[in-house]
Amino acid sequence: MAQERNNGKVRIIPLGGLHEIGKNMTVIEQGNDIIVVDCGLTFPEEEMLGIDIVIPDFSYLSKNRDKIRGIILTHGHEDHIGALPYVLQQINVPVYGTRLTLGLVKNKLAEFKMDESSKLTVISAGETIKLGRMSVEFIRTSHSIADAVALAVTTDVGVIVYTSDFKVDFTPIDDKAIDLHRFAELGQKGVVLMMADSTNVERPGYTMSERTVGQAFDDIFAGTTARIIVATFASNVHRIQQIINSTHRFGRKLAVCGRSMVNVVGVASELGYLDIPDGLEIDINDIGKYKDHELTILTTGSQGEPMSALTRMANADHRNVEILPGDLVVISASAIPGNEKLIGRVINRLFAKGANVIYEDLADIHVSGHACQEELKLMHTLVKPKFFIPMHGEYRHLERHARLAKSLGMDDDNILLAEIGNVIEVTKDLAKITGNVTAGKVLVDGLGVGDVGNVVLRDRQHLAQDGLMVVVVTISKENGAIIGGPDIISRGFVYVRESEDLMEQARVVVKDALTRCEQKHISEWATLKSSIRDCLRTFLYEKTKRKPMILPIIMEI
């Protein structure tokens, strides 16, 4: 056994979180033991029409379910816990996380009508648990959500440090600073591999402390007698606490709006992560009983999400809150890449309604939860890993993080730029990519998980761009002669009443094609449909330079 351990190897398999922001999931495998780190989702890209969320392809885990000793959650953001309900529906394994993280997980599982409480085990920073032949230590970090942790996984080949999302905040809201001392101790003893957050690697300097936002809120609250509406990420409990503090300090009442915000405030206050003074919080239905200078409304919608509370307020279709001239709206968040247009649209509508809007470009009302270059340098210097894999970022972030590691003296051969699905074998003396497993994106559309693929998305894009034409024709079962039609229905292509000549010509083209088939005694439906598509596609492109989806329907009587 001793020799096996000395000559052992560990496999690292990222199933998400590389070349993308979100969908974080990483497998650490040693012998017959597998640990899964995080289980996140991401949101659909513009071309993913109709898709609600995107989760990792975890088919590798399904095939190896008997080896999985547990799922470790580093913190409670959606890109780290959002896919958990889908995984637990297929794989029965224990889940470990801090109190707030698992409190949010319970809430999420309840939405799926899943009672998995028996699988959830609460851990605290500083604790170590044994999972098979590996042990996992939880190290306190700072992030834009409370109770975030990094991991130190002890394996046969050495210690693997997984930072997850972090920043170095010496004055955090909860006074629980990142445990840099423990990272330094691990570095002194020897770390074989580090996997680290790359999100803010392009930004020089240090990330500002969360406390700077509190002062900005106080300045805003002190300078207005208007009603204040603040939109922020529901999961940013420390930001919410500062909004609560400013609301209390300036004699206002707080109304919470938006399903996810109500849920998180409820869970966080119940678990003691939010301190809400007695009598401060009021029901959103009671805001009409208070004057403008007595009210703060805390809401979701900082990313301009179409169905969020702030967007509905901006569109005048929120049932409780109507934006009034003079309202002060504070958007306390930065735009997630891809959401800039949505947020801009909401800001424009708020201004059009007479509101004053403060957003990140105008005031220091948001700070990042991710480490900038100097904090990343500090982490590398403390941990001193032998091998390094940049994680949590698009390709440019991973490349820049690799360069940063080189600038600190790390050997180029000891830095691996990996991709989703890569199998990275790590020994005490070598780390290399040795193969691949099935990995990628699983699209969730309503209740359908994975049943929408590239073909369906291509059809949706085709329909969205060029529209649809349905051709209905009735033919004789005996001799294939046309009995009725062809009738042509247009949706999203042309307006029939204004294009009667075009539609009539299209009917003639289809009828001629069917007549040619009849003369050649062709009666197979597949051939008839293909003839209709080909002739109509050619005709429409010549006339309009567009290619609608053509759907022939043949009825035989």
Protein backbone atom coordinates (compact mmCIF):
# COMPACT_ATOMS: atom_id res chain seq x y z
CA MET A 1 0.00 0.00 0.00
CA ALA A 2 2.83 2.40 0.85
CA GLN A 3 4.43 1.83 -2.54
CA GLU A 4 1.09 2.36 -4.29
CA ARG A 5 0.72 5.68 -2.53
CA ASN A 6 4.22 6.82 -3.40
CA ASN A 7 3.70 5.91 -7.04
CA GLY A 8 0.09 7.10 -7.13
CA LYS A 9 -1.53 9.66 -9.36
CA VAL A 10 -4.50 12.00 -9.12
CA ARG A 11 -6.76 12.93 -12.01
CA ILE A 12 -8.25 16.42 -12.32
CA ILE A 13 -11.20 16.66 -14.72
CA PRO A 14 -12.85 20.10 -15.19
CA LEU A 15 -16.45 19.66 -16.36
CA GLY A 16 -17.14 23.41 -16.42
CA GLY A 17 -15.68 26.80 -15.52
CA LEU A 18 -12.94 26.89 -18.17
CA HIS A 19 -13.13 29.20 -21.22
CA GLU A 20 -16.35 30.56 -19.67
CA ILE A 21 -17.64 32.46 -16.66
CA GLY A 22 -19.97 30.09 -14.80
CA LYS A 23 -21.02 26.43 -14.86
CA ASN A 24 -18.24 25.57 -12.41
CA MET A 25 -17.69 21.86 -11.76
CA THR A 26 -14.38 20.07 -11.17
CA VAL A 27 -13.67 16.39 -10.51
CA ILE A 28 -10.74 15.28 -8.31
CA GLU A 29 -10.21 11.53 -8.69
CA GLN A 30 -7.81 9.20 -6.91
CA GLY A 31 -8.13 5.46 -7.42
CA ASN A 32 -11.73 4.52 -6.65
CA ASP A 33 -12.54 7.82 -4.96
CA ILE A 34 -14.07 10.88 -6.65
CA ILE A 35 -14.72 14.30 -5.10
CA VAL A 36 -16.83 16.80 -7.07
CA VAL A 37 -16.08 20.47 -6.39
CA ASP A 38 -19.04 22.78 -7.08
CA CYS A 39 -22.05 22.18 -9.26
CA GLY A 40 -22.97 25.38 -11.07
CA LEU A 41 -24.99 26.71 -13.97
CA THR A 42 -24.61 29.51 -16.45
CA PHE A 43 -27.13 31.59 -18.34
CA PRO A 44 -27.85 31.16 -22.05
CA GLU A 45 -26.07 33.08 -24.77
CA GLU A 46 -28.06 35.24 -27.18
CA GLU A 47 -28.26 32.57 -29.87
CA MET A 48 -29.71 30.00 -27.42
CA LEU A 49 -33.28 30.99 -28.17
CA GLY A 50 -35.80 29.86 -25.56
CA ILE A 51 -33.20 28.25 -23.30
CA ASP A 52 -33.58 28.99 -19.58
CA ILE A 53 -30.23 27.86 -18.16
CA VAL A 54 -27.15 25.86 -19.14
CA ILE A 55 -25.66 23.16 -16.89
CA PRO A 56 -22.54 20.98 -17.26
CA ASP A 57 -22.68 17.63 -19.01
CA PHE A 58 -22.16 15.35 -16.01
CA SER A 59 -22.49 12.03 -17.84
CA TYR A 60 -18.97 11.11 -16.61
CA LEU A 61 -20.27 11.35 -13.05
CA SER A 62 -23.35 9.28 -13.87
CA LYS A 63 -21.11 6.50 -15.24
CA ASN A 64 -18.88 6.64 -12.14
CA ARG A 65 -21.53 7.32 -9.49
CA ASP A 66 -20.30 4.47 -7.27
CA LYS A 67 -16.93 6.20 -6.88
CA ILE A 68 -18.31 9.60 -5.83
CA ARG A 69 -17.69 10.25 -2.13
CA GLY A 70 -19.28 13.69 -2.03
CA ILE A 71 -20.00 17.05 -3.67
CA ILE A 72 -18.18 19.98 -2.07
CA LEU A 73 -19.70 23.46 -2.49
CA THR A 74 -17.35 26.42 -2.04
CA HIS A 75 -20.08 29.10 -1.80
CA GLY A 76 -23.71 29.81 -2.62
CA HIS A 77 -23.60 31.59 -5.99
CA GLU A 78 -25.69 30.13 -8.81
CA ASP A 79 -22.62 29.43 -10.94
CA HIS A 80 -21.46 27.09 -8.15
CA ILE A 81 -24.71 25.52 -6.83
CA GLY A 82 -27.33 26.06 -9.57
CA ALA A 83 -27.02 22.65 -11.27
CA LEU A 84 -27.22 20.70 -8.01
CA PRO A 85 -30.94 19.77 -8.27
CA TYR A 86 -30.35 18.23 -11.71
CA VAL A 87 -27.34 16.24 -10.49
CA LEU A 88 -29.04 14.99 -7.31
CA GLN A 89 -32.01 13.75 -9.33
CA GLN A 90 -29.64 11.26 -10.97
CA ILE A 91 -26.82 10.73 -8.49
CA ASN A 92 -27.42 9.98 -4.80
CA VAL A 93 -24.37 11.44 -3.01
CA PRO A 94 -23.75 13.55 0.12
CA VAL A 95 -23.26 17.32 -0.24
CA TYR A 96 -20.96 19.43 1.96
CA GLY A 97 -20.99 23.19 2.39
CA THR A 98 -21.10 26.04 4.89
CA ARG A 99 -24.32 27.04 6.69
CA LEU A 100 -25.35 29.84 4.35
CA THR A 101 -24.42 27.84 1.24
CA LEU A 102 -26.55 24.87 2.30
CA GLY A 103 -29.32 27.19 3.45
CA LEU A 104 -29.53 28.53 -0.11
CA VAL A 105 -29.28 24.96 -1.46
CA LYS A 106 -32.26 23.86 0.68
CA ASN A 107 -34.26 26.75 -0.71
CA LYS A 108 -33.34 25.75 -4.27
CA LEU A 109 -34.16 22.08 -3.72
CA ALA A 110 -37.53 23.06 -2.25
CA GLU A 111 -38.35 24.84 -5.53
CA PHE A 112 -37.79 21.48 -7.26
CA LYS A 113 -39.96 19.79 -4.60
CA MET A 114 -36.92 17.80 -3.49
CA ASP A 115 -36.27 17.01 0.17
CA GLU A 116 -32.59 16.14 0.27
CA SER A 117 -31.86 17.42 3.79
CA SER A 118 -30.40 14.08 4.82
CA LYS A 119 -27.72 14.44 2.14
CA LEU A 120 -26.60 17.92 3.27
CA THR A 121 -23.77 18.20 5.80
CA VAL A 122 -22.81 21.59 7.22
CA ILE A 123 -19.10 22.31 7.62
CA SER A 124 -17.25 25.37 8.88
CA ALA A 125 -14.06 27.05 7.77
CA GLY A 126 -11.15 25.38 9.51
CA GLU A 127 -12.72 21.90 9.50
CA THR A 128 -11.34 18.87 7.68
CA ILE A 129 -13.40 15.91 6.46
CA LYS A 130 -12.30 12.52 5.16
CA LEU A 131 -13.74 11.36 1.84
CA GLY A 132 -12.38 7.98 0.85
CA ARG A 133 -8.59 8.17 0.82
CA MET A 134 -8.66 11.94 0.34
CA SER A 135 -9.27 14.57 3.00
CA VAL A 136 -10.67 18.05 2.38
CA GLU A 137 -9.87 21.11 4.51
CA PHE A 138 -12.09 24.18 4.28
CA ILE A 139 -10.27 27.53 4.37
CA ARG A 140 -12.08 30.83 4.96
CA THR A 141 -11.91 33.32 2.08
CA SER A 142 -13.54 36.64 1.17
CA HIS A 143 -15.97 36.93 -1.73
CA SER A 144 -19.17 38.77 -2.67
CA ILE A 145 -21.19 36.30 -0.60
CA ALA A 146 -20.74 35.26 3.01
CA ASP A 147 -19.40 31.85 4.06
CA ALA A 148 -17.14 31.34 1.02
CA VAL A 149 -14.30 28.83 1.37
CA ALA A 150 -11.28 27.54 -0.51
CA LEU A 151 -10.25 23.89 -0.33
CA ALA A 152 -7.04 22.07 0.49
CA VAL A 153 -7.38 18.47 -0.69
CA THR A 154 -4.81 16.05 0.69
CA THR A 155 -4.10 13.21 -1.75
CA ASP A 156 -1.46 10.52 -2.18
CA VAL A 157 0.59 12.85 -4.39
CA GLY A 158 0.36 15.88 -2.10
CA VAL A 159 -1.90 18.82 -1.27
CA ILE A 160 -4.10 20.39 -3.96
CA VAL A 161 -5.31 23.93 -3.26
CA TYR A 162 -8.54 25.02 -4.96
CA THR A 163 -9.10 28.73 -4.27
CA SER A 164 -12.55 28.99 -5.89
CA ASP A 165 -13.75 32.63 -6.21
CA PHE A 166 -11.93 34.90 -3.76
CA LYS A 167 -10.52 38.33 -3.05
CA VAL A 168 -8.35 39.67 -0.25
CA ASP A 169 -10.51 41.94 1.93
CA PHE A 170 -8.84 43.03 5.17
CA THR A 171 -11.98 44.86 6.38
CA PRO A 172 -14.88 42.54 5.52
CA ILE A 173 -18.38 43.34 6.71
CA ASP A 174 -18.56 40.30 8.99
CA ASP A 175 -15.00 40.86 10.31
CA LYS A 176 -14.00 37.38 9.12
CA ALA A 177 -10.97 38.06 6.95
CA ILE A 178 -9.50 35.58 4.48
CA ASP A 179 -7.24 33.08 6.27
CA LEU A 180 -3.97 34.04 4.57
CA HIS A 181 -2.06 32.47 7.47
CA ARG A 182 -3.38 29.01 6.55
CA PHE A 183 -2.48 29.45 2.87
CA ALA A 184 1.06 30.39 3.97
CA GLU A 185 1.29 27.31 6.22
CA LEU A 186 0.26 25.06 3.35
CA GLY A 187 2.82 26.73 1.11
CA GLN A 188 5.56 26.10 3.68
CA LYS A 189 4.66 22.40 3.90
CA GLY A 190 4.42 22.03 0.12
CA VAL A 191 1.54 22.25 -2.37
CA VAL A 192 1.68 20.04 -5.45
CA LEU A 193 -1.05 21.85 -7.44
CA MET A 194 -3.09 25.06 -7.21
CA MET A 195 -6.25 25.83 -9.17
CA ALA A 196 -7.15 29.51 -8.84
CA ASP A 197 -9.75 32.14 -9.78
CA SER A 198 -8.84 34.08 -12.93
CA THR A 199 -11.89 36.36 -13.32
CA ASN A 200 -10.17 39.69 -12.52
CA VAL A 201 -6.66 38.85 -13.68
CA GLU A 202 -6.82 41.65 -16.28
CA ARG A 203 -7.30 44.28 -13.57
CA PRO A 204 -4.17 45.75 -11.96
CA GLY A 205 -3.89 46.54 -8.27
CA TYR A 206 -6.27 45.38 -5.55
CA THR A 207 -10.03 44.91 -5.35
CA MET A 208 -11.61 47.52 -3.06
CA SER A 209 -13.05 46.45 0.26
CA GLU A 210 -16.79 45.94 0.54
CA ARG A 211 -16.84 48.59 3.29
CA THR A 212 -16.20 51.34 0.71
CA VAL A 213 -19.67 50.64 -0.68
CA GLY A 214 -21.20 51.28 2.76
CA GLN A 215 -19.80 54.80 2.82
CA ALA A 216 -21.13 55.42 -0.68
CA PHE A 217 -24.61 54.30 0.43
CA ASP A 218 -24.49 56.60 3.45
CA ASP A 219 -23.59 59.54 1.20
CA ILE A 220 -26.48 58.71 -1.16
CA PHE A 221 -29.03 58.29 1.66
CA ALA A 222 -27.89 61.49 3.38
CA GLY A 223 -28.32 63.51 0.20
CA THR A 224 -31.91 62.63 -0.76
CA THR A 225 -35.43 62.84 0.56
CA ALA A 226 -36.80 60.81 -2.36
CA ARG A 227 -37.89 57.21 -2.25
CA ILE A 228 -34.81 55.00 -2.73
CA ILE A 229 -34.95 51.79 -4.75
CA VAL A 230 -31.77 49.68 -4.63
CA ALA A 231 -31.15 46.76 -7.01
CA THR A 232 -28.32 44.32 -6.29
CA PHE A 233 -27.49 40.62 -6.48
CA ALA A 234 -29.75 38.70 -4.09
CA SER A 235 -26.84 36.51 -3.00
CA ASN A 236 -24.62 39.44 -1.92
CA VAL A 237 -25.55 39.27 1.75
CA HIS A 238 -22.84 41.74 2.81
CA ARG A 239 -24.13 44.32 0.32
CA ILE A 240 -27.67 43.78 1.58
CA GLN A 241 -26.47 44.29 5.16
CA GLN A 242 -24.98 47.66 4.23
CA ILE A 243 -28.24 48.71 2.57
CA ILE A 244 -30.03 47.67 5.78
CA ASN A 245 -27.53 49.69 7.86
CA SER A 246 -27.98 52.86 5.79
CA THR A 247 -31.76 52.44 5.80
CA HIS A 248 -31.79 52.18 9.61
CA ARG A 249 -29.26 54.96 10.10
CA PHE A 250 -31.37 57.45 8.12
CA GLY A 251 -34.73 56.54 9.64
CA ARG A 252 -36.28 54.67 6.72
CA LYS A 253 -38.26 51.44 6.45
CA LEU A 254 -37.14 48.56 4.22
CA ALA A 255 -39.40 46.68 1.80
CA VAL A 256 -37.97 43.63 0.01
CA CYS A 257 -39.10 42.90 -3.53
CA GLY A 258 -38.39 40.05 -5.96
CA ARG A 259 -38.73 36.31 -5.29
CA SER A 260 -35.02 35.49 -5.05
CA MET A 261 -34.34 38.55 -2.87
CA VAL A 262 -37.16 37.63 -0.49
CA ASN A 263 -35.86 34.05 -0.30
CA VAL A 264 -32.23 35.00 0.36
CA VAL A 265 -33.08 37.69 2.93
CA GLY A 266 -35.30 35.15 4.70
CA VAL A 267 -32.65 32.42 4.75
CA ALA A 268 -29.74 34.74 5.64
CA SER A 269 -31.60 36.46 8.49
CA GLU A 270 -32.85 33.12 9.85
CA LEU A 271 -29.29 31.76 9.91
CA GLY A 272 -27.87 34.92 11.47
CA TYR A 273 -25.99 36.28 8.45
CA LEU A 274 -28.18 39.40 8.30
CA ASP A 275 -28.91 41.70 11.22
CA ILE A 276 -32.27 43.41 10.58
CA PRO A 277 -33.33 45.71 13.44
CA ASP A 278 -36.79 45.08 14.83
CA GLY A 279 -39.49 47.01 13.01
CA LEU A 280 -37.25 47.99 10.11
CA GLU A 281 -38.67 45.60 7.50
CA ILE A 282 -42.19 46.14 6.15
CA ASP A 283 -44.30 44.19 3.68
CA ILE A 284 -44.07 45.35 0.07
CA ASN A 285 -47.88 45.66 0.05
CA ASP A 286 -47.68 48.35 2.77
CA ILE A 287 -45.36 50.84 1.03
CA GLY A 288 -48.33 53.11 0.28
CA LYS A 289 -48.62 53.85 4.02
CA TYR A 290 -45.25 55.63 4.10
CA LYS A 291 -43.93 58.89 2.69
CA ASP A 292 -41.13 58.86 0.11
CA HIS A 293 -38.39 59.90 2.56
CA GLU A 294 -39.37 57.01 4.84
CA LEU A 295 -38.87 54.23 2.28
CA THR A 296 -36.11 52.04 0.89
CA ILE A 297 -37.08 49.28 -1.54
CA LEU A 298 -34.58 46.45 -1.98
CA THR A 299 -35.10 44.60 -5.24
CA THR A 300 -33.75 42.15 -7.79
CA GLY A 301 -33.01 43.13 -11.38
CA SER A 302 -29.49 44.57 -11.28
CA GLN A 303 -28.72 42.69 -14.53
CA GLY A 304 -31.81 43.91 -16.40
CA GLU A 305 -33.34 40.41 -16.46
CA PRO A 306 -36.62 40.60 -18.42
CA MET A 307 -38.81 39.13 -15.65
CA SER A 308 -37.01 40.70 -12.67
CA ALA A 309 -38.76 43.11 -10.32
CA LEU A 310 -36.79 46.22 -11.39
CA THR A 311 -37.44 45.57 -15.09
CA ARG A 312 -41.14 45.15 -14.41
CA MET A 313 -41.11 48.42 -12.47
CA ALA A 314 -39.41 50.14 -15.41
CA ASN A 315 -42.04 48.66 -17.76
CA ALA A 316 -44.91 49.78 -15.47
CA ASP A 317 -46.22 46.25 -14.98
CA HIS A 318 -45.16 45.57 -11.38
CA ARG A 319 -48.19 45.06 -9.17
CA ASN A 320 -46.75 46.75 -6.06
CA VAL A 321 -44.24 49.38 -7.17
CA GLU A 322 -44.70 52.11 -9.74
CA ILE A 323 -41.70 54.28 -10.66
CA LEU A 324 -42.58 57.91 -9.93
CA PRO A 325 -40.85 61.14 -10.98
CA GLY A 326 -38.12 61.92 -8.44
CA ASP A 327 -37.52 58.32 -7.32
CA LEU A 328 -33.84 57.51 -6.79
CA VAL A 329 -32.85 54.13 -8.26
CA VAL A 330 -29.44 52.73 -7.30
CA ILE A 331 -28.10 49.79 -9.36
CA SER A 332 -25.43 48.33 -7.11
CA ALA A 333 -23.81 45.78 -9.42
CA SER A 334 -21.56 45.59 -12.44
CA ALA A 335 -22.81 44.13 -15.69
CA ILE A 336 -22.15 40.46 -16.25
CA PRO A 337 -20.65 40.22 -19.77
CA GLY A 338 -23.51 40.03 -22.26
CA ASN A 339 -26.02 41.88 -20.06
CA GLU A 340 -24.93 45.42 -20.93
CA LYS A 341 -27.78 46.02 -23.39
CA LEU A 342 -30.43 44.72 -20.98
CA ILE A 343 -29.18 46.96 -18.18
CA GLY A 344 -28.90 49.97 -20.50
CA ARG A 345 -32.47 49.46 -21.65
CA VAL A 346 -33.77 49.41 -18.06
CA ILE A 347 -31.75 52.52 -17.13
CA ASN A 348 -33.18 54.39 -20.14
CA ARG A 349 -36.75 53.45 -19.19
CA LEU A 350 -36.19 54.53 -15.59
CA PHE A 351 -34.90 57.93 -16.72
CA ALA A 352 -37.87 58.24 -19.10
CA LYS A 353 -40.21 57.82 -16.13
CA GLY A 354 -38.54 60.72 -14.34
CA ALA A 355 -36.40 58.70 -11.93
CA ASN A 356 -32.83 59.56 -11.05
CA VAL A 357 -30.55 56.58 -11.60
CA ILE A 358 -27.15 55.95 -10.02
CA TYR A 359 -25.13 53.10 -11.49
CA GLU A 360 -21.53 51.92 -11.31
CA ASP A 361 -20.19 54.46 -13.80
CA LEU A 362 -21.42 57.32 -11.62
CA ALA A 363 -20.49 56.25 -8.07
CA ASP A 364 -18.56 53.65 -6.05
CA ILE A 365 -21.67 51.58 -5.37
CA HIS A 366 -20.19 48.23 -6.37
CA VAL A 367 -16.96 46.37 -5.77
CA SER A 368 -15.98 43.04 -7.25
CA GLY A 369 -15.77 39.78 -5.34
CA HIS A 370 -12.75 38.59 -7.33
CA ALA A 371 -9.03 39.11 -6.79
CA CYS A 372 -7.12 41.56 -8.98
CA GLN A 373 -3.50 41.09 -10.07
CA GLU A 374 -1.75 42.00 -6.80
CA GLU A 375 -4.02 39.71 -4.75
CA LEU A 376 -3.40 36.85 -7.19
CA LYS A 377 0.34 37.46 -6.88
CA LEU A 378 -0.02 37.29 -3.10
CA MET A 379 -1.86 33.96 -3.31
CA HIS A 380 0.77 32.47 -5.64
CA THR A 381 3.58 33.71 -3.39
CA LEU A 382 2.01 32.26 -0.24
CA VAL A 383 0.95 28.89 -1.68
CA LYS A 384 4.05 28.34 -3.86
CA PRO A 385 2.50 25.47 -5.86
CA LYS A 386 4.64 23.12 -7.94
CA PHE A 387 1.97 22.98 -10.68
CA PHE A 388 -0.74 25.49 -11.58
CA ILE A 389 -4.03 25.36 -13.51
CA PRO A 390 -5.80 28.71 -14.03
CA MET A 391 -9.57 28.28 -13.51
CA HIS A 392 -12.76 30.37 -13.54
CA GLY A 393 -12.43 32.47 -16.67
CA GLU A 394 -12.65 32.81 -20.40
CA TYR A 395 -9.60 31.84 -22.44
CA ARG A 396 -8.04 35.31 -22.28
CA HIS A 397 -8.32 35.27 -18.47
CA LEU A 398 -6.65 31.85 -18.24
CA GLU A 399 -3.86 32.95 -20.58
CA ARG A 400 -3.24 36.17 -18.63
CA HIS A 401 -3.20 34.24 -15.35
CA ALA A 402 -0.64 31.81 -16.81
CA ARG A 403 1.54 34.78 -17.78
CA LEU A 404 1.19 36.22 -14.28
CA ALA A 405 2.39 32.91 -12.80
CA LYS A 406 5.38 32.92 -15.17
CA SER A 407 6.25 36.49 -14.13
CA LEU A 408 6.52 35.20 -10.55
CA GLY A 409 9.09 32.62 -11.60
CA MET A 410 6.96 29.54 -12.25
CA ASP A 411 8.32 27.17 -14.89
CA ASP A 412 6.31 27.28 -18.12
CA ASP A 413 6.14 23.48 -18.20
CA ASN A 414 4.41 23.45 -14.80
CA ILE A 415 1.46 25.59 -15.96
CA LEU A 416 -1.43 23.85 -17.73
CA LEU A 417 -4.04 25.70 -19.81
CA ALA A 418 -6.79 23.12 -19.76
CA GLU A 419 -10.18 22.78 -21.43
CA ILE A 420 -13.48 21.34 -20.27
CA GLY A 421 -13.32 17.55 -20.42
CA ASN A 422 -9.52 17.32 -20.23
CA VAL A 423 -8.11 14.59 -17.99
CA ILE A 424 -5.09 16.03 -16.15
CA GLU A 425 -2.92 13.44 -14.42
CA VAL A 426 -0.87 14.75 -11.51
CA THR A 427 1.97 12.92 -9.79
CA LYS A 428 4.54 14.30 -7.38
CA ASP A 429 6.84 15.11 -10.28
CA LEU A 430 4.62 15.62 -13.33
CA ALA A 431 1.30 17.16 -14.40
CA LYS A 432 0.06 16.58 -17.93
CA ILE A 433 -3.12 16.30 -20.00
CA THR A 434 -3.55 12.61 -20.88
CA GLY A 435 -7.00 12.39 -22.44
CA ASN A 436 -10.60 13.58 -22.46
CA VAL A 437 -14.00 12.59 -21.11
CA THR A 438 -17.47 13.52 -22.35
CA ALA A 439 -18.13 17.13 -21.32
CA GLY A 440 -19.91 20.24 -22.56
CA LYS A 441 -23.25 22.00 -22.21
CA VAL A 442 -26.66 20.59 -21.34
CA LEU A 443 -29.47 23.02 -22.24
CA VAL A 444 -32.48 23.33 -19.96
CA ASP A 445 -35.71 24.53 -21.59
CA GLY A 446 -38.66 24.47 -19.19
CA LEU A 447 -38.97 20.91 -17.91
CA GLY A 448 -36.77 19.57 -20.71
CA VAL A 449 -33.18 18.82 -19.69
CA GLY A 450 -30.87 18.05 -22.60
CA ASP A 451 -33.66 17.45 -25.12
CA VAL A 452 -32.83 20.68 -26.95
CA GLY A 453 -29.62 20.28 -28.95
CA ASN A 454 -27.81 22.03 -31.78
CA VAL A 455 -30.37 20.94 -34.39
CA VAL A 456 -33.29 22.40 -32.42
CA LEU A 457 -31.37 25.62 -31.74
CA ARG A 458 -30.53 25.91 -35.43
CA ASP A 459 -34.22 25.51 -36.28
CA ARG A 460 -35.15 28.18 -33.74
CA GLN A 461 -32.61 30.60 -35.20
CA HIS A 462 -33.85 29.81 -38.69
CA LEU A 463 -37.44 30.53 -37.64
CA ALA A 464 -36.44 33.72 -35.84
CA GLN A 465 -34.45 35.07 -38.77
CA ASP A 466 -36.44 33.94 -41.84
CA GLY A 467 -39.84 32.74 -40.69
CA LEU A 468 -41.92 29.72 -41.67
CA MET A 469 -44.03 28.67 -44.65
CA VAL A 470 -46.39 25.71 -44.32
CA VAL A 471 -47.56 24.06 -47.55
CA VAL A 472 -50.69 21.91 -47.24
CA VAL A 473 -51.76 19.72 -50.15
CA THR A 474 -54.30 16.88 -50.46
CA ILE A 475 -53.64 14.12 -52.99
CA SER A 476 -55.57 11.07 -54.19
CA LYS A 477 -54.58 7.77 -52.65
CA GLU A 478 -55.42 5.98 -55.90
CA ASN A 479 -53.48 7.93 -58.52
CA GLY A 480 -51.58 10.69 -56.69
CA ALA A 481 -53.58 13.48 -58.34
CA ILE A 482 -53.95 16.79 -56.48
CA ILE A 483 -57.42 16.97 -54.93
CA GLY A 484 -57.05 20.06 -52.75
CA GLY A 485 -54.54 22.87 -52.45
CA PRO A 486 -51.80 23.61 -52.34
CA ASP A 487 -52.58 26.07 -49.54
CA ILE A 488 -49.67 28.10 -48.20
CA ILE A 489 -49.54 29.58 -44.70
CA SER A 490 -46.87 32.17 -43.88
CA ARG A 491 -45.65 32.95 -40.34
CA GLY A 492 -42.84 35.45 -39.80
CA PHE A 493 -41.98 35.56 -43.52
CA VAL A 494 -44.39 37.88 -45.32
CA TYR A 495 -47.76 39.36 -44.45
CA VAL A 496 -50.10 37.45 -46.73
CA ARG A 497 -52.55 40.27 -47.52
CA GLU A 498 -49.73 42.53 -48.72
CA SER A 499 -48.04 39.76 -50.72
CA GLU A 500 -50.97 38.07 -52.48
CA ASP A 501 -49.16 37.99 -55.84
CA LEU A 502 -46.10 36.32 -54.30
CA MET A 503 -48.23 33.72 -52.52
CA GLU A 504 -50.22 32.97 -55.67
CA GLN A 505 -47.02 32.49 -57.67
CA ALA A 506 -45.70 30.21 -54.89
CA ARG A 507 -48.85 28.05 -55.16
CA VAL A 508 -48.32 27.72 -58.92
CA VAL A 509 -44.68 26.70 -58.39
CA VAL A 510 -45.68 24.01 -55.87
CA LYS A 511 -48.51 22.77 -58.07
CA ASP A 512 -46.17 22.48 -61.09
CA ALA A 513 -43.67 20.48 -59.01
CA LEU A 514 -46.37 18.06 -57.84
CA THR A 515 -47.68 17.70 -61.40
CA ARG A 516 -44.20 16.73 -62.59
CA CYS A 517 -44.01 14.11 -59.84
CA GLU A 518 -47.44 12.78 -60.85
CA GLN A 519 -46.36 12.49 -64.48
CA LYS A 520 -43.29 10.50 -63.41
CA HIS A 521 -45.50 8.31 -61.17
CA ILE A 522 -43.66 9.42 -58.04
CA SER A 523 -45.84 8.87 -54.98
CA GLU A 524 -43.41 8.46 -52.02
CA TRP A 525 -44.16 11.18 -49.50
CA ALA A 526 -40.49 11.85 -48.76
CA THR A 527 -39.81 12.56 -52.45
CA LEU A 528 -42.91 14.72 -52.80
CA LYS A 529 -41.98 16.79 -49.74
CA SER A 530 -38.42 17.18 -50.98
CA SER A 531 -39.68 18.40 -54.37
CA ILE A 532 -41.95 20.95 -52.69
CA ARG A 533 -39.10 22.26 -50.51
CA ASP A 534 -36.59 22.48 -53.33
CA CYS A 535 -38.79 24.29 -55.84
CA LEU A 536 -40.30 26.66 -53.28
CA ARG A 537 -36.95 27.47 -51.67
CA THR A 538 -35.43 28.36 -55.05
CA PHE A 539 -38.43 30.48 -56.04
CA LEU A 540 -38.63 32.41 -52.74
CA TYR A 541 -34.89 33.10 -52.70
CA GLU A 542 -35.01 34.48 -56.25
CA LYS A 543 -37.94 36.74 -55.34
CA THR A 544 -37.00 37.83 -51.78
CA LYS A 545 -33.37 36.77 -51.10
CA ARG A 546 -34.70 35.03 -47.98
CA LYS A 547 -34.84 31.38 -47.00
CA PRO A 548 -37.79 30.63 -44.70
CA MET A 549 -38.22 27.22 -43.13
CA ILE A 550 -40.55 25.26 -45.42
CA LEU A 551 -42.80 22.63 -43.86
CA PRO A 552 -44.79 20.55 -46.39
CA ILE A 553 -47.85 18.68 -45.10
CA ILE A 554 -49.35 16.03 -47.39
CA MET A 555 -52.75 14.51 -46.73
CA GLU A 556 -53.89 11.44 -48.65
CA ILE A 557 -57.57 10.58 -49.19
